């Protein structure tokens, strides 16, 4: 029988977090999970009355680990995105 401490060591790793920075408002840097990226970026774009499918594409690219595509989309959205340490 496995001990609880052994089970705890083999628990699923925490979801990665990402740092998003709004290049137009440098004070806007947040730490989010992949599930929070769409809502965060959409909230930042709302005052500009901007809605774009690029936000969902950004999120999918990050979740898929397609970093060259994610960075290209982030550039179009004036964002910086990195994996949080």
PDB file of N, CA and C in Angstrom:
ATOM      1  N   UNK A   1       0.837  -1.183   0.000  1.00  0.00           N
ATOM      2  CA  UNK A   1       0.000   0.000   0.000  1.00  0.00           C
ATOM      3  C   UNK A   1       0.882   1.246   0.000  1.00  0.00           C
ATOM      4  N   UNK A   2       0.549   2.205  -0.804  1.00  0.00           N
ATOM      5  CA  UNK A   2       1.348   3.423  -0.897  1.00  0.00           C
ATOM      6  C   UNK A   2       1.015   4.355   0.256  1.00  0.00           C
ATOM      7  N   UNK A   3       2.054   4.972   0.773  1.00  0.00           N
ATOM      8  CA  UNK A   3       1.828   5.935   1.855  1.00  0.00           C
ATOM      9  C   UNK A   3       1.317   7.243   1.282  1.00  0.00           C
ATOM     10  N   UNK A   4       0.685   8.044   2.128  1.00  0.00           N
ATOM     11  CA  UNK A   4       0.160   9.343   1.695  1.00  0.00           C
ATOM     12  C   UNK A   4       1.281  10.267   1.239  1.00  0.00           C
ATOM     13  N   UNK A   5       2.438  10.213   1.881  1.00  0.00           N
ATOM     14  CA  UNK A   5       3.530  11.099   1.471  1.00  0.00           C
ATOM     15  C   UNK A   5       4.026  10.723   0.077  1.00  0.00           C
ATOM     16  N   UNK A   6       4.033   9.446  -0.223  1.00  0.00           N
ATOM     17  CA  UNK A   6       4.446   9.032  -1.564  1.00  0.00           C
ATOM     18  C   UNK A   6       3.426   9.490  -2.606  1.00  0.00           C
ATOM     19  N   UNK A   7       2.147   9.402  -2.291  1.00  0.00           N
ATOM     20  CA  UNK A   7       1.112   9.861  -3.200  1.00  0.00           C
ATOM     21  C   UNK A   7       1.205  11.364  -3.418  1.00  0.00           C
ATOM     22  N   UNK A   8       1.502  12.100  -2.379  1.00  0.00           N
ATOM     23  CA  UNK A   8       1.602  13.562  -2.483  1.00  0.00           C
ATOM     24  C   UNK A   8       2.745  13.959  -3.415  1.00  0.00           C
ATOM     25  N   UNK A   9       3.843  13.230  -3.370  1.00  0.00           N
ATOM     26  CA  UNK A   9       4.976  13.545  -4.234  1.00  0.00           C
ATOM     27  C   UNK A   9       4.661  13.308  -5.697  1.00  0.00           C
ATOM     28  N   UNK A  10       3.739  12.411  -5.977  1.00  0.00           N
ATOM     29  CA  UNK A  10       3.401  12.081  -7.346  1.00  0.00           C
ATOM     30  C   UNK A  10       2.106  12.745  -7.809  1.00  0.00           C
ATOM     31  N   UNK A  11       1.668  13.726  -7.071  1.00  0.00           N
ATOM     32  CA  UNK A  11       0.457  14.449  -7.468  1.00  0.00           C
ATOM     33  C   UNK A  11       0.731  15.183  -8.771  1.00  0.00           C
ATOM     34  N   UNK A  12      -0.319  15.502  -9.476  1.00  0.00           N
ATOM     35  CA  UNK A  12      -0.176  16.229 -10.737  1.00  0.00           C
ATOM     36  C   UNK A  12       0.445  17.590 -10.483  1.00  0.00           C
ATOM     37  N   UNK A  13       1.369  18.000 -11.335  1.00  0.00           N
ATOM     38  CA  UNK A  13       1.990  19.309 -11.143  1.00  0.00           C
ATOM     39  C   UNK A  13       0.961  20.417 -11.329  1.00  0.00           C
ATOM     40  N   UNK A  14       1.214  21.530 -10.678  1.00  0.00           N
ATOM     41  CA  UNK A  14       0.304  22.672 -10.789  1.00  0.00           C
ATOM     42  C   UNK A  14       0.287  23.183 -12.225  1.00  0.00           C
ATOM     43  N   UNK A  15      -0.834  23.753 -12.598  1.00  0.00           N
ATOM     44  CA  UNK A  15      -0.937  24.338 -13.935  1.00  0.00           C
ATOM     45  C   UNK A  15       0.080  25.451 -14.075  1.00  0.00           C
ATOM     46  N   UNK A  16       0.703  25.553 -15.234  1.00  0.00           N
ATOM     47  CA  UNK A  16       1.678  26.639 -15.413  1.00  0.00           C
ATOM     48  C   UNK A  16       0.972  27.997 -15.370  1.00  0.00           C
ATOM     49  N   UNK A  17       1.713  28.988 -14.944  1.00  0.00           N
ATOM     50  CA  UNK A  17       1.188  30.346 -14.956  1.00  0.00           C
ATOM     51  C   UNK A  17       2.025  31.174 -15.917  1.00  0.00           C
ATOM     52  N   UNK A  18       1.411  32.224 -16.398  1.00  0.00           N
ATOM     53  CA  UNK A  18       2.030  33.062 -17.416  1.00  0.00           C
ATOM     54  C   UNK A  18       1.957  34.517 -16.977  1.00  0.00           C
ATOM     55  N   UNK A  19       2.960  35.287 -17.381  1.00  0.00           N
ATOM     56  CA  UNK A  19       2.941  36.725 -17.153  1.00  0.00           C
ATOM     57  C   UNK A  19       2.496  37.399 -18.438  1.00  0.00           C
ATOM     58  N   UNK A  20       1.427  38.163 -18.342  1.00  0.00           N
ATOM     59  CA  UNK A  20       0.932  38.951 -19.465  1.00  0.00           C
ATOM     60  C   UNK A  20       1.198  40.411 -19.162  1.00  0.00           C
ATOM     61  N   UNK A  21       1.779  41.104 -20.103  1.00  0.00           N
ATOM     62  CA  UNK A  21       2.021  42.538 -19.961  1.00  0.00           C
ATOM     63  C   UNK A  21       1.387  43.264 -21.131  1.00  0.00           C
ATOM     64  N   UNK A  22       0.587  44.246 -20.807  1.00  0.00           N
ATOM     65  CA  UNK A  22      -0.024  45.122 -21.805  1.00  0.00           C
ATOM     66  C   UNK A  22       1.036  46.147 -22.178  1.00  0.00           C
ATOM     67  N   UNK A  23       1.520  46.118 -23.396  1.00  0.00           N
ATOM     68  CA  UNK A  23       2.582  47.039 -23.819  1.00  0.00           C
ATOM     69  C   UNK A  23       2.125  48.494 -23.837  1.00  0.00           C
ATOM     70  N   UNK A  24       0.831  48.716 -23.970  1.00  0.00           N
ATOM     71  CA  UNK A  24       0.322  50.085 -23.993  1.00  0.00           C
ATOM     72  C   UNK A  24       0.155  50.663 -22.591  1.00  0.00           C
ATOM     73  N   UNK A  25       0.079  49.788 -21.601  1.00  0.00           N
ATOM     74  CA  UNK A  25      -0.075  50.189 -20.200  1.00  0.00           C
ATOM     75  C   UNK A  25       0.857  49.308 -19.365  1.00  0.00           C
ATOM     76  N   UNK A  26       2.107  49.679 -19.287  1.00  0.00           N
ATOM     77  CA  UNK A  26       3.121  48.829 -18.637  1.00  0.00           C
ATOM     78  C   UNK A  26       2.772  48.448 -17.205  1.00  0.00           C
ATOM     79  N   UNK A  27       1.929  49.241 -16.556  1.00  0.00           N
ATOM     80  CA  UNK A  27       1.558  48.882 -15.188  1.00  0.00           C
ATOM     81  C   UNK A  27       0.623  47.671 -15.172  1.00  0.00           C
ATOM     82  N   UNK A  28       0.131  47.276 -16.324  1.00  0.00           N
ATOM     83  CA  UNK A  28      -0.747  46.110 -16.425  1.00  0.00           C
ATOM     84  C   UNK A  28       0.073  44.869 -16.719  1.00  0.00           C
ATOM     85  N   UNK A  29       0.536  44.265 -15.681  1.00  0.00           N
ATOM     86  CA  UNK A  29       1.188  42.964 -15.784  1.00  0.00           C
ATOM     87  C   UNK A  29       0.502  42.060 -14.783  1.00  0.00           C
ATOM     88  N   UNK A  30       0.028  40.933 -15.262  1.00  0.00           N
ATOM     89  CA  UNK A  30      -0.676  40.001 -14.386  1.00  0.00           C
ATOM     90  C   UNK A  30      -0.116  38.601 -14.556  1.00  0.00           C
ATOM     91  N   UNK A  31      -0.299  37.823 -13.524  1.00  0.00           N
ATOM     92  CA  UNK A  31       0.080  36.412 -13.535  1.00  0.00           C
ATOM     93  C   UNK A  31      -1.221  35.622 -13.652  1.00  0.00           C
ATOM     94  N   UNK A  32      -1.349  34.824 -14.708  1.00  0.00           N
ATOM     95  CA  UNK A  32      -2.591  34.103 -14.970  1.00  0.00           C
ATOM     96  C   UNK A  32      -2.315  32.665 -15.394  1.00  0.00           C
ATOM     97  N   UNK A  33      -3.330  31.838 -15.262  1.00  0.00           N
ATOM     98  CA  UNK A  33      -3.262  30.486 -15.814  1.00  0.00           C
ATOM     99  C   UNK A  33      -3.730  30.566 -17.263  1.00  0.00           C
ATOM    100  N   UNK A  34      -3.547  29.498 -17.990  1.00  0.00           N
ATOM    101  CA  UNK A  34      -3.982  29.481 -19.393  1.00  0.00           C
ATOM    102  C   UNK A  34      -5.482  29.722 -19.500  1.00  0.00           C
ATOM    103  N   UNK A  35      -6.242  29.212 -18.538  1.00  0.00           N
ATOM    104  CA  UNK A  35      -7.690  29.393 -18.566  1.00  0.00           C
ATOM    105  C   UNK A  35      -8.116  30.843 -18.345  1.00  0.00           C
ATOM    106  N   UNK A  36      -7.241  31.669 -17.793  1.00  0.00           N
ATOM    107  CA  UNK A  36      -7.575  33.063 -17.497  1.00  0.00           C
ATOM    108  C   UNK A  36      -7.104  34.047 -18.567  1.00  0.00           C
ATOM    109  N   UNK A  37      -6.364  33.575 -19.541  1.00  0.00           N
ATOM    110  CA  UNK A  37      -5.790  34.469 -20.551  1.00  0.00           C
ATOM    111  C   UNK A  37      -6.876  35.172 -21.363  1.00  0.00           C
ATOM    112  N   UNK A  38      -7.841  34.426 -21.874  1.00  0.00           N
ATOM    113  CA  UNK A  38      -8.879  35.013 -22.720  1.00  0.00           C
ATOM    114  C   UNK A  38      -9.648  36.097 -21.979  1.00  0.00           C
ATOM    115  N   UNK A  39     -10.077  35.809 -20.761  1.00  0.00           N
ATOM    116  CA  UNK A  39     -10.852  36.786 -19.994  1.00  0.00           C
ATOM    117  C   UNK A  39     -10.027  38.033 -19.691  1.00  0.00           C
ATOM    118  N   UNK A  40      -8.759  37.843 -19.352  1.00  0.00           N
ATOM    119  CA  UNK A  40      -7.898  38.976 -19.012  1.00  0.00           C
ATOM    120  C   UNK A  40      -7.681  39.892 -20.209  1.00  0.00           C
ATOM    121  N   UNK A  41      -7.288  39.319 -21.331  1.00  0.00           N
ATOM    122  CA  UNK A  41      -7.006  40.131 -22.515  1.00  0.00           C
ATOM    123  C   UNK A  41      -8.291  40.774 -23.037  1.00  0.00           C
ATOM    124  N   UNK A  42      -9.388  40.056 -23.007  1.00  0.00           N
ATOM    125  CA  UNK A  42     -10.663  40.627 -23.441  1.00  0.00           C
ATOM    126  C   UNK A  42     -11.061  41.814 -22.575  1.00  0.00           C
ATOM    127  N   UNK A  43     -10.803  41.721 -21.288  1.00  0.00           N
ATOM    128  CA  UNK A  43     -11.088  42.832 -20.372  1.00  0.00           C
ATOM    129  C   UNK A  43     -10.225  44.036 -20.710  1.00  0.00           C
ATOM    130  N   UNK A  44      -8.970  43.807 -21.048  1.00  0.00           N
ATOM    131  CA  UNK A  44      -8.081  44.912 -21.418  1.00  0.00           C
ATOM    132  C   UNK A  44      -8.518  45.567 -22.729  1.00  0.00           C
ATOM    133  N   UNK A  45      -9.058  44.784 -23.656  1.00  0.00           N
ATOM    134  CA  UNK A  45      -9.465  45.315 -24.958  1.00  0.00           C
ATOM    135  C   UNK A  45     -10.848  45.972 -24.930  1.00  0.00           C
ATOM    136  N   UNK A  46     -11.673  45.644 -23.955  1.00  0.00           N
ATOM    137  CA  UNK A  46     -13.048  46.145 -23.896  1.00  0.00           C
ATOM    138  C   UNK A  46     -13.152  47.673 -23.924  1.00  0.00           C
ATOM    139  N   UNK A  47     -12.341  48.424 -23.168  1.00  0.00           N
ATOM    140  CA  UNK A  47     -12.458  49.886 -23.222  1.00  0.00           C
ATOM    141  C   UNK A  47     -12.146  50.465 -24.612  1.00  0.00           C
ATOM    142  N   UNK A  48     -11.413  49.708 -25.410  1.00  0.00           N
ATOM    143  CA  UNK A  48     -11.097  50.137 -26.769  1.00  0.00           C
ATOM    144  C   UNK A  48     -12.165  49.664 -27.765  1.00  0.00           C
ATOM    145  N   UNK A  49     -13.182  48.983 -27.233  1.00  0.00           N
ATOM    146  CA  UNK A  49     -14.258  48.408 -28.045  1.00  0.00           C
ATOM    147  C   UNK A  49     -13.713  47.464 -29.115  1.00  0.00           C
ATOM    148  N   UNK A  50     -12.738  46.669 -28.714  1.00  0.00           N
ATOM    149  CA  UNK A  50     -12.107  45.712 -29.621  1.00  0.00           C
ATOM    150  C   UNK A  50     -12.507  44.300 -29.209  1.00  0.00           C
ATOM    151  N   UNK A  51     -12.984  43.550 -30.172  1.00  0.00           N
ATOM    152  CA  UNK A  51     -13.250  42.122 -30.010  1.00  0.00           C
ATOM    153  C   UNK A  51     -12.582  41.425 -31.185  1.00  0.00           C
ATOM    154  N   UNK A  52     -11.777  40.420 -30.896  1.00  0.00           N
ATOM    155  CA  UNK A  52     -11.044  39.754 -31.955  1.00  0.00           C
ATOM    156  C   UNK A  52     -10.847  38.275 -31.626  1.00  0.00           C
ATOM    157  N   UNK A  53     -10.923  37.417 -32.633  1.00  0.00           N
ATOM    158  CA  UNK A  53     -10.652  35.998 -32.404  1.00  0.00           C
ATOM    159  C   UNK A  53      -9.176  35.734 -32.095  1.00  0.00           C
ATOM    160  N   UNK A  54      -8.333  36.731 -32.257  1.00  0.00           N
ATOM    161  CA  UNK A  54      -6.914  36.552 -31.944  1.00  0.00           C
ATOM    162  C   UNK A  54      -6.687  36.228 -30.462  1.00  0.00           C
ATOM    163  N   UNK A  55      -7.581  36.693 -29.611  1.00  0.00           N
ATOM    164  CA  UNK A  55      -7.444  36.415 -28.173  1.00  0.00           C
ATOM    165  C   UNK A  55      -7.564  34.915 -27.923  1.00  0.00           C
ATOM    166  N   UNK A  56      -8.566  34.289 -28.534  1.00  0.00           N
ATOM    167  CA  UNK A  56      -8.723  32.835 -28.387  1.00  0.00           C
ATOM    168  C   UNK A  56      -7.561  32.086 -29.037  1.00  0.00           C
ATOM    169  N   UNK A  57      -7.093  32.580 -30.172  1.00  0.00           N
ATOM    170  CA  UNK A  57      -5.945  31.956 -30.845  1.00  0.00           C
ATOM    171  C   UNK A  57      -4.687  32.047 -29.973  1.00  0.00           C
ATOM    172  N   UNK A  58      -4.511  33.179 -29.309  1.00  0.00           N
ATOM    173  CA  UNK A  58      -3.375  33.342 -28.398  1.00  0.00           C
ATOM    174  C   UNK A  58      -3.429  32.291 -27.299  1.00  0.00           C
ATOM    175  N   UNK A  59      -4.581  32.159 -26.698  1.00  0.00           N
ATOM    176  CA  UNK A  59      -4.748  31.189 -25.616  1.00  0.00           C
ATOM    177  C   UNK A  59      -4.467  29.766 -26.102  1.00  0.00           C
ATOM    178  N   UNK A  60      -5.028  29.398 -27.246  1.00  0.00           N
ATOM    179  CA  UNK A  60      -4.788  28.055 -27.798  1.00  0.00           C
ATOM    180  C   UNK A  60      -3.316  27.821 -28.100  1.00  0.00           C
ATOM    181  N   UNK A  61      -2.665  28.811 -28.656  1.00  0.00           N
ATOM    182  CA  UNK A  61      -1.237  28.674 -28.982  1.00  0.00           C
ATOM    183  C   UNK A  61      -0.406  28.442 -27.733  1.00  0.00           C
ATOM    184  N   UNK A  62      -0.724  29.172 -26.685  1.00  0.00           N
ATOM    185  CA  UNK A  62       0.008  29.008 -25.425  1.00  0.00           C
ATOM    186  C   UNK A  62      -0.249  27.627 -24.850  1.00  0.00           C
ATOM    187  N   UNK A  63      -1.503  27.205 -24.829  1.00  0.00           N
ATOM    188  CA  UNK A  63      -1.834  25.884 -24.287  1.00  0.00           C
ATOM    189  C   UNK A  63      -1.179  24.761 -25.092  1.00  0.00           C
ATOM    190  N   UNK A  64      -1.048  24.968 -26.401  1.00  0.00           N
ATOM    191  CA  UNK A  64      -0.423  23.954 -27.260  1.00  0.00           C
ATOM    192  C   UNK A  64       1.098  24.021 -27.252  1.00  0.00           C
ATOM    193  N   UNK A  65       1.651  25.053 -26.620  1.00  0.00           N
ATOM    194  CA  UNK A  65       3.103  25.210 -26.595  1.00  0.00           C
ATOM    195  C   UNK A  65       3.670  25.714 -27.905  1.00  0.00           C
ATOM    196  N   UNK A  66       2.832  26.318 -28.737  1.00  0.00           N
ATOM    197  CA  UNK A  66       3.268  26.864 -30.022  1.00  0.00           C
ATOM    198  C   UNK A  66       3.737  28.303 -29.801  1.00  0.00           C
ATOM    199  N   UNK A  67       4.936  28.441 -29.231  1.00  0.00           N
ATOM    200  CA  UNK A  67       5.402  29.749 -28.764  1.00  0.00           C
ATOM    201  C   UNK A  67       5.698  30.735 -29.883  1.00  0.00           C
ATOM    202  N   UNK A  68       6.167  30.285 -31.023  1.00  0.00           N
ATOM    203  CA  UNK A  68       6.405  31.249 -32.106  1.00  0.00           C
ATOM    204  C   UNK A  68       5.084  31.854 -32.567  1.00  0.00           C
ATOM    205  N   UNK A  69       4.051  31.029 -32.665  1.00  0.00           N
ATOM    206  CA  UNK A  69       2.731  31.532 -33.026  1.00  0.00           C
ATOM    207  C   UNK A  69       2.166  32.419 -31.910  1.00  0.00           C
ATOM    208  N   UNK A  70       2.321  32.008 -30.663  1.00  0.00           N
ATOM    209  CA  UNK A  70       1.820  32.794 -29.531  1.00  0.00           C
ATOM    210  C   UNK A  70       2.468  34.177 -29.496  1.00  0.00           C
ATOM    211  N   UNK A  71       3.772  34.235 -29.718  1.00  0.00           N
ATOM    212  CA  UNK A  71       4.462  35.530 -29.692  1.00  0.00           C
ATOM    213  C   UNK A  71       4.050  36.407 -30.881  1.00  0.00           C
ATOM    214  N   UNK A  72       3.812  35.793 -32.033  1.00  0.00           N
ATOM    215  CA  UNK A  72       3.360  36.572 -33.193  1.00  0.00           C
ATOM    216  C   UNK A  72       1.980  37.178 -32.931  1.00  0.00           C
ATOM    217  N   UNK A  73       1.090  36.394 -32.346  1.00  0.00           N
ATOM    218  CA  UNK A  73      -0.246  36.905 -32.020  1.00  0.00           C
ATOM    219  C   UNK A  73      -0.152  37.963 -30.931  1.00  0.00           C
ATOM    220  N   UNK A  74       0.661  37.711 -29.919  1.00  0.00           N
ATOM    221  CA  UNK A  74       0.835  38.689 -28.839  1.00  0.00           C
ATOM    222  C   UNK A  74       1.350  40.012 -29.391  1.00  0.00           C
ATOM    223  N   UNK A  75       2.255  39.963 -30.356  1.00  0.00           N
ATOM    224  CA  UNK A  75       2.742  41.194 -30.989  1.00  0.00           C
ATOM    225  C   UNK A  75       1.599  41.972 -31.623  1.00  0.00           C
ATOM    226  N   UNK A  76       0.691  41.261 -32.309  1.00  0.00           N
ATOM    227  CA  UNK A  76      -0.444  41.938 -32.942  1.00  0.00           C
ATOM    228  C   UNK A  76      -1.377  42.573 -31.914  1.00  0.00           C
ATOM    229  N   UNK A  77      -1.417  41.982 -30.718  1.00  0.00           N
ATOM    230  CA  UNK A  77      -2.281  42.487 -29.651  1.00  0.00           C
ATOM    231  C   UNK A  77      -1.552  43.448 -28.711  1.00  0.00           C
ATOM    232  N   UNK A  78      -0.300  43.767 -29.013  1.00  0.00           N
ATOM    233  CA  UNK A  78       0.547  44.633 -28.168  1.00  0.00           C
ATOM    234  C   UNK A  78       0.679  44.078 -26.754  1.00  0.00           C
ATOM    235  N   UNK A  79       1.010  42.793 -26.697  1.00  0.00           N
ATOM    236  CA  UNK A  79       1.190  42.104 -25.413  1.00  0.00           C
ATOM    237  C   UNK A  79       2.565  41.438 -25.375  1.00  0.00           C
ATOM    238  N   UNK A  80       3.036  41.225 -24.174  1.00  0.00           N
ATOM    239  CA  UNK A  80       4.180  40.349 -23.941  1.00  0.00           C
ATOM    240  C   UNK A  80       3.653  39.192 -23.116  1.00  0.00           C
ATOM    241  N   UNK A  81       4.086  37.989 -23.434  1.00  0.00           N
ATOM    242  CA  UNK A  81       3.668  36.803 -22.677  1.00  0.00           C
ATOM    243  C   UNK A  81       4.889  35.943 -22.434  1.00  0.00           C
ATOM    244  N   UNK A  82       5.040  35.519 -21.189  1.00  0.00           N
ATOM    245  CA  UNK A  82       6.134  34.624 -20.807  1.00  0.00           C
ATOM    246  C   UNK A  82       5.615  33.628 -19.778  1.00  0.00           C
ATOM    247  N   UNK A  83       6.324  32.529 -19.647  1.00  0.00           N
ATOM    248  CA  UNK A  83       6.014  31.570 -18.593  1.00  0.00           C
ATOM    249  C   UNK A  83       6.547  32.148 -17.298  1.00  0.00           C
ATOM    250  N   UNK A  84       5.702  32.173 -16.268  1.00  0.00           N
ATOM    251  CA  UNK A  84       6.128  32.697 -14.971  1.00  0.00           C
ATOM    252  C   UNK A  84       7.061  31.691 -14.302  1.00  0.00           C
ATOM    253  N   UNK A  85       8.087  32.196 -13.666  1.00  0.00           N
ATOM    254  CA  UNK A  85       9.053  31.315 -12.993  1.00  0.00           C
ATOM    255  C   UNK A  85       8.527  30.854 -11.661  1.00  0.00           C
TER     256      UNK A  85
END
